[in-house]
Amino acid sequence: MLFDFHNDCIDLNGNIIFKKINSQEEFADYRNSVLEPRLDFENEIAEMLRNRPDQMMLLPGYSETAGMFTKFRLDFNYSDGKRPNFRERLVCTVTNLNNRQRFICSYLQKLVSQHGYSSLFTFEQATAVVRYLSHNLNDVKITNSEYLSPDYSPGQMVNGIRHEDAINLSFNNESFDMIFSWEVLHRTPDLYKAVRETHRVLKDGGTFVFSTPFNSTIVLSNQRARLTTAGIEHTDDIKYYAGNHSIDKPSPVFYDLGWDLLNVIKECGFKNVYLLCYYSATYGYMGEGLQSIFVAEK
């Protein structure tokens, strides 16, 4: 696979699968230019799946995490039963990682290869992604954590799990080459403080890779809750994010994030930030015609 961080990336069939997006207008133009044939293809697969007696199928493709051509398992798990959840399925039969997990693992490996990074901090610990990275980033020191409870101090170990609070990290300045978070920022009570903390502990030239629920149709983010001395004060309808694997407990959503998130991250000191859109049927990176993560460079 041809990969160049300064250009779009093409898959084995010559299809563009990476696109750096810097604005809502750019996103809309790109999405409109690629969406229809991709959705048609996904709908064909969904119809095939519905017509199978066991409602399971194996799609051939190339797994970057396995480093080989293999098959991806697709079913109706985590879906409405009518259309498969491509993002959470397309499970590699070799590594057992789903669509989004395979992509982020592969992307972090590319960052290491491209920049020679040697340290990574993740806002998760007991996950398939962390297990894969721990076994495959051999020359990278990985520090994992979870947010467990406000009763614990940042950096405290609890039953083998490191507790860290995104708005008050325990690390020294410029401790890591890479930082990765999955579905964290919208659950922090202070978005600016969380991003500034990430910027503080990231080394110059480092990269912050993250995913967060994101509404591409709005410019201004909505703060639906805030933390006060009396507790959590909701300014909008109460919304919770499903409990994580460590505390098995739902956590409140503080923000509905829009395009101003890019400006927030720049205001907190990052030199460059963009939405990285990706898609490839060959590599099993599918779903809604377009998948994406955020990348911020210090």
C-alpha atoms as a PDB file:
ATOM      1  CA  MET A   1       0.000   0.000   0.000  1.00  0.00           C
ATOM      2  CA  LEU A   2       1.241   3.449  -0.921  1.00  0.00           C
ATOM      3  CA  PHE A   3       1.273   5.789   2.056  1.00  0.00           C
ATOM      4  CA  ASP A   4       2.361   9.403   2.182  1.00  0.00           C
ATOM      5  CA  PHE A   5       1.331  11.606   5.097  1.00  0.00           C
ATOM      6  CA  HIS A   6       1.453  14.642   2.833  1.00  0.00           C
ATOM      7  CA  ASN A   7      -0.943  13.287   0.214  1.00  0.00           C
ATOM      8  CA  ASP A   8      -4.042  11.171  -0.126  1.00  0.00           C
ATOM      9  CA  CYS A   9      -3.508   7.445   0.254  1.00  0.00           C
ATOM     10  CA  ILE A  10      -4.675   4.976  -2.393  1.00  0.00           C
ATOM     11  CA  ASP A  11      -5.520   1.321  -1.890  1.00  0.00           C
ATOM     12  CA  LEU A  12      -4.634  -1.637  -4.079  1.00  0.00           C
ATOM     13  CA  ASN A  13      -7.461  -0.784  -6.484  1.00  0.00           C
ATOM     14  CA  GLY A  14      -6.370   2.830  -6.873  1.00  0.00           C
ATOM     15  CA  ASN A  15      -9.172   4.199  -4.717  1.00  0.00           C
ATOM     16  CA  ILE A  16      -8.431   7.173  -2.463  1.00  0.00           C
ATOM     17  CA  ILE A  17      -8.937   6.172   1.176  1.00  0.00           C
ATOM     18  CA  PHE A  18      -7.375   9.095   3.057  1.00  0.00           C
ATOM     19  CA  LYS A  19      -8.446  12.725   2.885  1.00  0.00           C
ATOM     20  CA  LYS A  20      -7.430  15.526   5.231  1.00  0.00           C
ATOM     21  CA  ILE A  21     -10.398  17.807   5.916  1.00  0.00           C
ATOM     22  CA  ASN A  22      -9.946  21.276   7.401  1.00  0.00           C
ATOM     23  CA  SER A  23     -13.446  22.764   7.307  1.00  0.00           C
ATOM     24  CA  GLN A  24     -17.150  22.002   7.173  1.00  0.00           C
ATOM     25  CA  GLU A  25     -17.341  23.180   3.557  1.00  0.00           C
ATOM     26  CA  GLU A  26     -14.450  20.966   2.500  1.00  0.00           C
ATOM     27  CA  PHE A  27     -16.053  18.025   4.266  1.00  0.00           C
ATOM     28  CA  ALA A  28     -19.415  18.572   2.569  1.00  0.00           C
ATOM     29  CA  ASP A  29     -17.829  18.806  -0.880  1.00  0.00           C
ATOM     30  CA  TYR A  30     -15.744  15.685  -0.380  1.00  0.00           C
ATOM     31  CA  ARG A  31     -18.592  13.697   1.168  1.00  0.00           C
ATOM     32  CA  ASN A  32     -20.947  14.558  -1.683  1.00  0.00           C
ATOM     33  CA  SER A  33     -18.331  13.561  -4.248  1.00  0.00           C
ATOM     34  CA  VAL A  34     -17.801  10.042  -2.898  1.00  0.00           C
ATOM     35  CA  LEU A  35     -20.882   9.051  -0.920  1.00  0.00           C
ATOM     36  CA  GLU A  36     -23.418   7.689  -3.407  1.00  0.00           C
ATOM     37  CA  PRO A  37     -21.474   4.749  -4.934  1.00  0.00           C
ATOM     38  CA  ARG A  38     -20.112   3.756  -1.531  1.00  0.00           C
ATOM     39  CA  LEU A  39     -23.567   3.667   0.054  1.00  0.00           C
ATOM     40  CA  ASP A  40     -24.918   1.715  -2.923  1.00  0.00           C
ATOM     41  CA  PHE A  41     -22.172  -0.851  -2.405  1.00  0.00           C
ATOM     42  CA  GLU A  42     -22.845  -1.069   1.338  1.00  0.00           C
ATOM     43  CA  ASN A  43     -26.579  -1.472   0.676  1.00  0.00           C
ATOM     44  CA  GLU A  44     -25.864  -4.382  -1.666  1.00  0.00           C
ATOM     45  CA  ILE A  45     -23.825  -6.071   1.061  1.00  0.00           C
ATOM     46  CA  ALA A  46     -26.569  -5.412   3.638  1.00  0.00           C
ATOM     47  CA  GLU A  47     -29.155  -7.027   1.359  1.00  0.00           C
ATOM     48  CA  MET A  48     -26.947 -10.076   0.845  1.00  0.00           C
ATOM     49  CA  LEU A  49     -26.505 -10.372   4.600  1.00  0.00           C
ATOM     50  CA  ARG A  50     -30.245 -10.126   5.276  1.00  0.00           C
ATOM     51  CA  ASN A  51     -30.894 -12.939   2.825  1.00  0.00           C
ATOM     52  CA  ARG A  52     -28.472 -15.342   4.444  1.00  0.00           C
ATOM     53  CA  PRO A  53     -30.079 -17.875   6.810  1.00  0.00           C
ATOM     54  CA  ASP A  54     -27.403 -17.380   9.473  1.00  0.00           C
ATOM     55  CA  GLN A  55     -27.165 -13.623   8.790  1.00  0.00           C
ATOM     56  CA  MET A  56     -23.382 -13.814   8.792  1.00  0.00           C
ATOM     57  CA  MET A  57     -20.909 -13.539   5.956  1.00  0.00           C
ATOM     58  CA  LEU A  58     -17.168 -13.400   5.379  1.00  0.00           C
ATOM     59  CA  LEU A  59     -15.915 -10.654   3.075  1.00  0.00           C
ATOM     60  CA  PRO A  60     -12.475 -11.035   1.466  1.00  0.00           C
ATOM     61  CA  GLY A  61      -9.959  -8.243   1.915  1.00  0.00           C
ATOM     62  CA  TYR A  62      -6.532  -7.198   3.121  1.00  0.00           C
ATOM     63  CA  SER A  63      -6.048  -6.862   6.880  1.00  0.00           C
ATOM     64  CA  GLU A  64      -3.289  -4.393   7.727  1.00  0.00           C
ATOM     65  CA  THR A  65      -3.138  -5.653  11.299  1.00  0.00           C
ATOM     66  CA  ALA A  66      -2.667  -9.240  10.086  1.00  0.00           C
ATOM     67  CA  GLY A  67      -0.406  -8.183   7.208  1.00  0.00           C
ATOM     68  CA  MET A  68      -2.167 -10.477   4.765  1.00  0.00           C
ATOM     69  CA  PHE A  69      -5.226 -11.074   2.635  1.00  0.00           C
ATOM     70  CA  THR A  70      -7.890 -12.706   4.756  1.00  0.00           C
ATOM     71  CA  LYS A  71     -11.626 -12.387   5.469  1.00  0.00           C
ATOM     72  CA  PHE A  72     -13.708  -9.998   7.566  1.00  0.00           C
ATOM     73  CA  ARG A  73     -16.676 -11.289   9.531  1.00  0.00           C
ATOM     74  CA  LEU A  74     -19.867  -9.254   9.125  1.00  0.00           C
ATOM     75  CA  ASP A  75     -23.169  -9.729  10.957  1.00  0.00           C
ATOM     76  CA  PHE A  76     -25.933  -7.680  12.557  1.00  0.00           C
ATOM     77  CA  ASN A  77     -24.361  -7.353  15.998  1.00  0.00           C
ATOM     78  CA  TYR A  78     -24.589  -3.806  17.431  1.00  0.00           C
ATOM     79  CA  SER A  79     -27.073  -2.815  14.710  1.00  0.00           C
ATOM     80  CA  ASP A  80     -30.785  -2.320  14.123  1.00  0.00           C
ATOM     81  CA  GLY A  81     -31.003  -5.720  12.454  1.00  0.00           C
ATOM     82  CA  LYS A  82     -31.611  -4.157   9.053  1.00  0.00           C
ATOM     83  CA  ARG A  83     -28.261  -2.625   8.227  1.00  0.00           C
ATOM     84  CA  PRO A  84     -24.980  -3.984   9.635  1.00  0.00           C
ATOM     85  CA  ASN A  85     -22.824  -1.814  11.853  1.00  0.00           C
ATOM     86  CA  PHE A  86     -19.797  -1.817   9.563  1.00  0.00           C
ATOM     87  CA  ARG A  87     -17.763   0.322  11.969  1.00  0.00           C
ATOM     88  CA  GLU A  88     -18.081  -2.112  14.871  1.00  0.00           C
ATOM     89  CA  ARG A  89     -17.955  -5.313  12.809  1.00  0.00           C
ATOM     90  CA  LEU A  90     -15.902  -6.383   9.757  1.00  0.00           C
ATOM     91  CA  VAL A  91     -13.875  -8.386  12.252  1.00  0.00           C
ATOM     92  CA  CYS A  92     -10.561  -9.713  10.956  1.00  0.00           C
ATOM     93  CA  THR A  93     -10.569 -13.501  11.260  1.00  0.00           C
ATOM     94  CA  VAL A  94      -6.831 -13.452  12.042  1.00  0.00           C
ATOM     95  CA  THR A  95      -6.454 -10.643  14.609  1.00  0.00           C
ATOM     96  CA  ASN A  96     -10.108 -10.530  15.763  1.00  0.00           C
ATOM     97  CA  LEU A  97     -10.068  -6.727  15.531  1.00  0.00           C
ATOM     98  CA  ASN A  98     -13.064  -4.923  14.076  1.00  0.00           C
ATOM     99  CA  ASN A  99     -13.091  -2.182  11.438  1.00  0.00           C
ATOM    100  CA  ARG A 100     -12.293   0.851  13.602  1.00  0.00           C
ATOM    101  CA  GLN A 101      -9.851  -1.091  15.785  1.00  0.00           C
ATOM    102  CA  ARG A 102      -7.872  -2.303  12.789  1.00  0.00           C
ATOM    103  CA  PHE A 103      -7.661   1.175  11.343  1.00  0.00           C
ATOM    104  CA  ILE A 104      -6.428   2.933  14.475  1.00  0.00           C
ATOM    105  CA  CYS A 105      -3.852   0.214  15.172  1.00  0.00           C
ATOM    106  CA  SER A 106      -2.562   0.447  11.625  1.00  0.00           C
ATOM    107  CA  TYR A 107      -2.522   4.251  11.712  1.00  0.00           C
ATOM    108  CA  LEU A 108      -0.530   4.396  14.948  1.00  0.00           C
ATOM    109  CA  GLN A 109       1.947   1.909  13.477  1.00  0.00           C
ATOM    110  CA  LYS A 110       2.345   4.184  10.459  1.00  0.00           C
ATOM    111  CA  LEU A 111       3.050   7.154  12.720  1.00  0.00           C
ATOM    112  CA  VAL A 112       5.796   5.182  14.441  1.00  0.00           C
ATOM    113  CA  SER A 113       7.288   4.138  11.110  1.00  0.00           C
ATOM    114  CA  GLN A 114       7.039   7.635   9.622  1.00  0.00           C
ATOM    115  CA  HIS A 115       8.353   9.643  12.578  1.00  0.00           C
ATOM    116  CA  GLY A 116      10.367   7.166  14.646  1.00  0.00           C
ATOM    117  CA  TYR A 117       8.158   7.739  17.683  1.00  0.00           C
ATOM    118  CA  SER A 118       9.156   5.769  20.780  1.00  0.00           C
ATOM    119  CA  SER A 119       6.459   6.567  23.373  1.00  0.00           C
ATOM    120  CA  LEU A 120       2.671   6.376  23.422  1.00  0.00           C
ATOM    121  CA  PHE A 121       0.042   7.290  26.005  1.00  0.00           C
ATOM    122  CA  THR A 122      -3.498   5.943  25.638  1.00  0.00           C
ATOM    123  CA  PHE A 123      -6.657   6.858  27.512  1.00  0.00           C
ATOM    124  CA  GLU A 124      -7.623   3.192  27.646  1.00  0.00           C
ATOM    125  CA  GLN A 125      -6.089   0.063  29.086  1.00  0.00           C
ATOM    126  CA  ALA A 126      -8.120  -3.149  29.037  1.00  0.00           C
ATOM    127  CA  THR A 127      -9.010  -3.137  25.326  1.00  0.00           C
ATOM    128  CA  ALA A 128      -8.243  -5.182  22.224  1.00  0.00           C
ATOM    129  CA  VAL A 129      -6.502  -2.163  20.683  1.00  0.00           C
ATOM    130  CA  VAL A 130      -4.095  -1.825  23.609  1.00  0.00           C
ATOM    131  CA  ARG A 131      -3.378  -5.551  23.590  1.00  0.00           C
ATOM    132  CA  TYR A 132      -2.559  -5.450  19.883  1.00  0.00           C
ATOM    133  CA  LEU A 133      -0.345  -2.375  20.207  1.00  0.00           C
ATOM    134  CA  SER A 134       1.477  -3.857  23.207  1.00  0.00           C
ATOM    135  CA  HIS A 135       2.424  -6.891  21.134  1.00  0.00           C
ATOM    136  CA  ASN A 136       3.214  -5.109  17.887  1.00  0.00           C
ATOM    137  CA  LEU A 137       4.859  -1.782  18.788  1.00  0.00           C
ATOM    138  CA  ASN A 138       7.947  -3.494  20.138  1.00  0.00           C
ATOM    139  CA  ASP A 139      10.187  -0.423  20.274  1.00  0.00           C
ATOM    140  CA  VAL A 140       7.533   1.878  21.725  1.00  0.00           C
ATOM    141  CA  LYS A 141       7.019   2.447  25.439  1.00  0.00           C
ATOM    142  CA  ILE A 142       3.251   2.389  25.989  1.00  0.00           C
ATOM    143  CA  THR A 143       1.541   3.922  29.017  1.00  0.00           C
ATOM    144  CA  ASN A 144      -2.122   3.001  29.435  1.00  0.00           C
ATOM    145  CA  SER A 145      -4.799   4.430  31.679  1.00  0.00           C
ATOM    146  CA  GLU A 146      -8.515   4.633  32.435  1.00  0.00           C
ATOM    147  CA  TYR A 147     -10.648   7.178  34.253  1.00  0.00           C
ATOM    148  CA  LEU A 148     -11.941   5.234  37.242  1.00  0.00           C
ATOM    149  CA  SER A 149     -13.376   7.611  39.822  1.00  0.00           C
ATOM    150  CA  PRO A 150     -12.963  11.161  41.161  1.00  0.00           C
ATOM    151  CA  ASP A 151     -11.990   9.493  44.440  1.00  0.00           C
ATOM    152  CA  TYR A 152      -8.605   8.482  43.004  1.00  0.00           C
ATOM    153  CA  SER A 153      -5.521  10.615  42.393  1.00  0.00           C
ATOM    154  CA  PRO A 154      -4.045  10.998  38.891  1.00  0.00           C
ATOM    155  CA  GLY A 155      -1.462   8.260  38.345  1.00  0.00           C
ATOM    156  CA  GLN A 156      -2.833   6.059  41.128  1.00  0.00           C
ATOM    157  CA  MET A 157      -2.852   2.313  40.423  1.00  0.00           C
ATOM    158  CA  VAL A 158      -6.111   0.548  41.269  1.00  0.00           C
ATOM    159  CA  ASN A 159      -6.222  -3.235  40.819  1.00  0.00           C
ATOM    160  CA  GLY A 160      -3.561  -3.025  38.126  1.00  0.00           C
ATOM    161  CA  ILE A 161      -5.236  -0.135  36.284  1.00  0.00           C
ATOM    162  CA  ARG A 162      -3.710   3.322  36.140  1.00  0.00           C
ATOM    163  CA  HIS A 163      -6.193   6.095  36.891  1.00  0.00           C
ATOM    164  CA  GLU A 164      -5.778   9.315  34.897  1.00  0.00           C
ATOM    165  CA  ASP A 165      -8.055  12.331  34.587  1.00  0.00           C
ATOM    166  CA  ALA A 166      -7.944  14.033  31.165  1.00  0.00           C
ATOM    167  CA  ILE A 167      -8.136  17.493  32.740  1.00  0.00           C
ATOM    168  CA  ASN A 168      -5.412  16.799  35.311  1.00  0.00           C
ATOM    169  CA  LEU A 169      -2.803  14.363  34.007  1.00  0.00           C
ATOM    170  CA  SER A 170      -0.030  13.189  36.316  1.00  0.00           C
ATOM    171  CA  PHE A 171       2.760  13.301  33.708  1.00  0.00           C
ATOM    172  CA  ASN A 172       5.590  15.792  33.239  1.00  0.00           C
ATOM    173  CA  ASN A 173       5.641  18.207  30.325  1.00  0.00           C
ATOM    174  CA  GLU A 174       6.556  16.671  26.955  1.00  0.00           C
ATOM    175  CA  SER A 175       6.436  13.064  28.120  1.00  0.00           C
ATOM    176  CA  PHE A 176       5.072  11.330  24.990  1.00  0.00           C
ATOM    177  CA  ASP A 177       5.524  11.250  21.212  1.00  0.00           C
ATOM    178  CA  MET A 178       1.958  10.074  20.608  1.00  0.00           C
ATOM    179  CA  ILE A 179      -1.301  10.306  22.526  1.00  0.00           C
ATOM    180  CA  PHE A 180      -4.412   8.365  21.588  1.00  0.00           C
ATOM    181  CA  SER A 181      -7.938   8.724  22.952  1.00  0.00           C
ATOM    182  CA  TRP A 182     -11.147   7.051  21.887  1.00  0.00           C
ATOM    183  CA  GLU A 183     -14.485   8.699  22.751  1.00  0.00           C
ATOM    184  CA  VAL A 184     -13.083  10.808  25.604  1.00  0.00           C
ATOM    185  CA  LEU A 185     -13.281  14.538  24.854  1.00  0.00           C
ATOM    186  CA  HIS A 186     -17.080  14.796  24.818  1.00  0.00           C
ATOM    187  CA  ARG A 187     -17.131  13.308  28.327  1.00  0.00           C
ATOM    188  CA  THR A 188     -14.679  15.740  29.906  1.00  0.00           C
ATOM    189  CA  PRO A 189     -16.218  18.557  31.994  1.00  0.00           C
ATOM    190  CA  ASP A 190     -13.735  21.116  30.606  1.00  0.00           C
ATOM    191  CA  LEU A 191     -12.898  20.665  26.926  1.00  0.00           C
ATOM    192  CA  TYR A 192     -10.229  23.392  26.825  1.00  0.00           C
ATOM    193  CA  LYS A 193      -8.463  22.099  29.905  1.00  0.00           C
ATOM    194  CA  ALA A 194      -8.437  18.533  28.581  1.00  0.00           C
ATOM    195  CA  VAL A 195      -6.892  19.604  25.272  1.00  0.00           C
ATOM    196  CA  ARG A 196      -4.340  21.843  27.002  1.00  0.00           C
ATOM    197  CA  GLU A 197      -3.305  18.953  29.253  1.00  0.00           C
ATOM    198  CA  THR A 198      -2.840  16.726  26.223  1.00  0.00           C
ATOM    199  CA  HIS A 199      -0.778  19.431  24.539  1.00  0.00           C
ATOM    200  CA  ARG A 200       1.321  19.883  27.703  1.00  0.00           C
ATOM    201  CA  VAL A 201       2.382  16.238  28.023  1.00  0.00           C
ATOM    202  CA  LEU A 202       2.943  15.760  24.274  1.00  0.00           C
ATOM    203  CA  LYS A 203       6.436  16.346  22.912  1.00  0.00           C
ATOM    204  CA  ASP A 204       7.144  18.959  20.253  1.00  0.00           C
ATOM    205  CA  GLY A 205       6.602  17.269  16.901  1.00  0.00           C
ATOM    206  CA  GLY A 206       4.253  14.769  18.531  1.00  0.00           C
ATOM    207  CA  THR A 207       0.800  13.687  17.359  1.00  0.00           C
ATOM    208  CA  PHE A 208      -2.534  13.468  19.159  1.00  0.00           C
ATOM    209  CA  VAL A 209      -4.914  11.002  17.499  1.00  0.00           C
ATOM    210  CA  PHE A 210      -8.472  10.836  18.744  1.00  0.00           C
ATOM    211  CA  SER A 211     -12.033   9.889  18.010  1.00  0.00           C
ATOM    212  CA  THR A 212     -15.089  11.559  19.488  1.00  0.00           C
ATOM    213  CA  PRO A 213     -18.796  11.752  18.654  1.00  0.00           C
ATOM    214  CA  PHE A 214     -18.983  14.634  16.208  1.00  0.00           C
ATOM    215  CA  ASN A 215     -21.904  16.382  14.536  1.00  0.00           C
ATOM    216  CA  SER A 216     -20.694  17.405  11.080  1.00  0.00           C
ATOM    217  CA  THR A 217     -23.822  19.511  10.506  1.00  0.00           C
ATOM    218  CA  ILE A 218     -23.142  22.069  13.252  1.00  0.00           C
ATOM    219  CA  VAL A 219     -20.452  24.733  13.592  1.00  0.00           C
ATOM    220  CA  LEU A 220     -20.710  25.557  17.290  1.00  0.00           C
ATOM    221  CA  SER A 221     -20.434  22.844  19.918  1.00  0.00           C
ATOM    222  CA  ASN A 222     -23.145  22.591  22.541  1.00  0.00           C
ATOM    223  CA  GLN A 223     -22.144  22.244  26.198  1.00  0.00           C
ATOM    224  CA  ARG A 224     -24.970  20.174  27.621  1.00  0.00           C
ATOM    225  CA  ALA A 225     -23.543  19.849  31.156  1.00  0.00           C
ATOM    226  CA  ARG A 226     -20.955  21.475  33.425  1.00  0.00           C
ATOM    227  CA  LEU A 227     -19.239  20.513  36.642  1.00  0.00           C
ATOM    228  CA  THR A 228     -19.937  22.759  39.643  1.00  0.00           C
ATOM    229  CA  THR A 229     -19.088  22.584  43.332  1.00  0.00           C
ATOM    230  CA  ALA A 230     -22.542  21.101  43.857  1.00  0.00           C
ATOM    231  CA  GLY A 231     -22.017  18.402  41.227  1.00  0.00           C
ATOM    232  CA  ILE A 232     -22.970  18.055  37.570  1.00  0.00           C
ATOM    233  CA  GLU A 233     -25.351  20.720  36.315  1.00  0.00           C
ATOM    234  CA  HIS A 234     -27.174  19.831  33.099  1.00  0.00           C
ATOM    235  CA  THR A 235     -27.933  22.697  30.715  1.00  0.00           C
ATOM    236  CA  ASP A 236     -29.596  20.405  28.167  1.00  0.00           C
ATOM    237  CA  ASP A 237     -31.332  17.032  28.166  1.00  0.00           C
ATOM    238  CA  ILE A 238     -29.366  14.501  30.208  1.00  0.00           C
ATOM    239  CA  LYS A 239     -27.298  12.250  27.975  1.00  0.00           C
ATOM    240  CA  TYR A 240     -25.028   9.388  28.963  1.00  0.00           C
ATOM    241  CA  TYR A 241     -22.244   7.513  27.232  1.00  0.00           C
ATOM    242  CA  ALA A 242     -22.368   3.738  27.675  1.00  0.00           C
ATOM    243  CA  GLY A 243     -20.283   2.444  30.570  1.00  0.00           C
ATOM    244  CA  ASN A 244     -16.697   1.517  29.804  1.00  0.00           C
ATOM    245  CA  HIS A 245     -15.024  -1.806  30.451  1.00  0.00           C
ATOM    246  CA  SER A 246     -13.261  -0.644  33.616  1.00  0.00           C
ATOM    247  CA  ILE A 247     -16.000   0.919  35.696  1.00  0.00           C
ATOM    248  CA  ASP A 248     -19.051  -0.622  33.972  1.00  0.00           C
ATOM    249  CA  LYS A 249     -20.970   2.558  34.581  1.00  0.00           C
ATOM    250  CA  PRO A 250     -22.426   5.191  32.236  1.00  0.00           C
ATOM    251  CA  SER A 251     -20.733   8.582  32.212  1.00  0.00           C
ATOM    252  CA  PRO A 252     -22.414  11.917  31.438  1.00  0.00           C
ATOM    253  CA  VAL A 253     -21.876  13.611  28.089  1.00  0.00           C
ATOM    254  CA  PHE A 254     -20.712  17.196  28.575  1.00  0.00           C
ATOM    255  CA  TYR A 255     -20.427  18.288  24.935  1.00  0.00           C
ATOM    256  CA  ASP A 256     -22.062  17.798  21.555  1.00  0.00           C
ATOM    257  CA  LEU A 257     -19.059  18.665  19.413  1.00  0.00           C
ATOM    258  CA  GLY A 258     -19.145  20.569  16.114  1.00  0.00           C
ATOM    259  CA  TRP A 259     -16.632  22.085  13.702  1.00  0.00           C
ATOM    260  CA  ASP A 260     -15.402  24.679  16.194  1.00  0.00           C
ATOM    261  CA  LEU A 261     -13.550  21.762  17.810  1.00  0.00           C
ATOM    262  CA  LEU A 262     -10.772  22.328  15.247  1.00  0.00           C
ATOM    263  CA  ASN A 263     -10.361  25.927  16.440  1.00  0.00           C
ATOM    264  CA  VAL A 264     -10.450  24.891  20.101  1.00  0.00           C
ATOM    265  CA  ILE A 265      -7.550  22.513  19.528  1.00  0.00           C
ATOM    266  CA  LYS A 266      -5.539  25.163  17.692  1.00  0.00           C
ATOM    267  CA  GLU A 267      -6.248  27.702  20.450  1.00  0.00           C
ATOM    268  CA  CYS A 268      -4.803  25.197  22.917  1.00  0.00           C
ATOM    269  CA  GLY A 269      -1.466  25.267  21.105  1.00  0.00           C
ATOM    270  CA  PHE A 270      -1.559  22.640  18.362  1.00  0.00           C
ATOM    271  CA  LYS A 271      -0.021  23.739  15.074  1.00  0.00           C
ATOM    272  CA  ASN A 272      -2.188  21.640  12.808  1.00  0.00           C
ATOM    273  CA  VAL A 273      -5.462  19.765  13.260  1.00  0.00           C
ATOM    274  CA  TYR A 274      -7.730  18.053  10.767  1.00  0.00           C
ATOM    275  CA  LEU A 275     -10.424  15.463  10.307  1.00  0.00           C
ATOM    276  CA  LEU A 276      -8.866  12.474   8.578  1.00  0.00           C
ATOM    277  CA  CYS A 277     -11.465  10.738   6.437  1.00  0.00           C
ATOM    278  CA  TYR A 278     -10.761   7.225   5.237  1.00  0.00           C
ATOM    279  CA  TYR A 279     -12.490   4.482   3.293  1.00  0.00           C
ATOM    280  CA  SER A 280     -11.569   1.268   1.493  1.00  0.00           C
ATOM    281  CA  ALA A 281     -13.556  -1.839   0.653  1.00  0.00           C
ATOM    282  CA  THR A 282     -10.275  -3.653   0.003  1.00  0.00           C
ATOM    283  CA  TYR A 283      -9.025  -3.005   3.526  1.00  0.00           C
ATOM    284  CA  GLY A 284     -12.414  -3.419   5.168  1.00  0.00           C
ATOM    285  CA  TYR A 285     -12.641   0.241   6.224  1.00  0.00           C
ATOM    286  CA  MET A 286     -16.317   0.825   5.513  1.00  0.00           C
ATOM    287  CA  GLY A 287     -19.485   2.264   7.039  1.00  0.00           C
ATOM    288  CA  GLU A 288     -21.820   5.163   6.215  1.00  0.00           C
ATOM    289  CA  GLY A 289     -19.728   5.700   3.096  1.00  0.00           C
ATOM    290  CA  LEU A 290     -17.069   7.519   5.094  1.00  0.00           C
ATOM    291  CA  GLN A 291     -15.117   6.899   8.307  1.00  0.00           C
ATOM    292  CA  SER A 292     -12.994   9.456  10.158  1.00  0.00           C
ATOM    293  CA  ILE A 293     -10.726  10.275  13.080  1.00  0.00           C
ATOM    294  CA  PHE A 294      -9.120  13.525  14.263  1.00  0.00           C
ATOM    295  CA  VAL A 295      -5.392  14.218  14.109  1.00  0.00           C
ATOM    296  CA  ALA A 296      -3.661  17.116  15.903  1.00  0.00           C
ATOM    297  CA  GLU A 297       0.053  17.841  15.420  1.00  0.00           C
ATOM    298  CA  LYS A 298       2.142  19.767  17.947  1.00  0.00           C
END
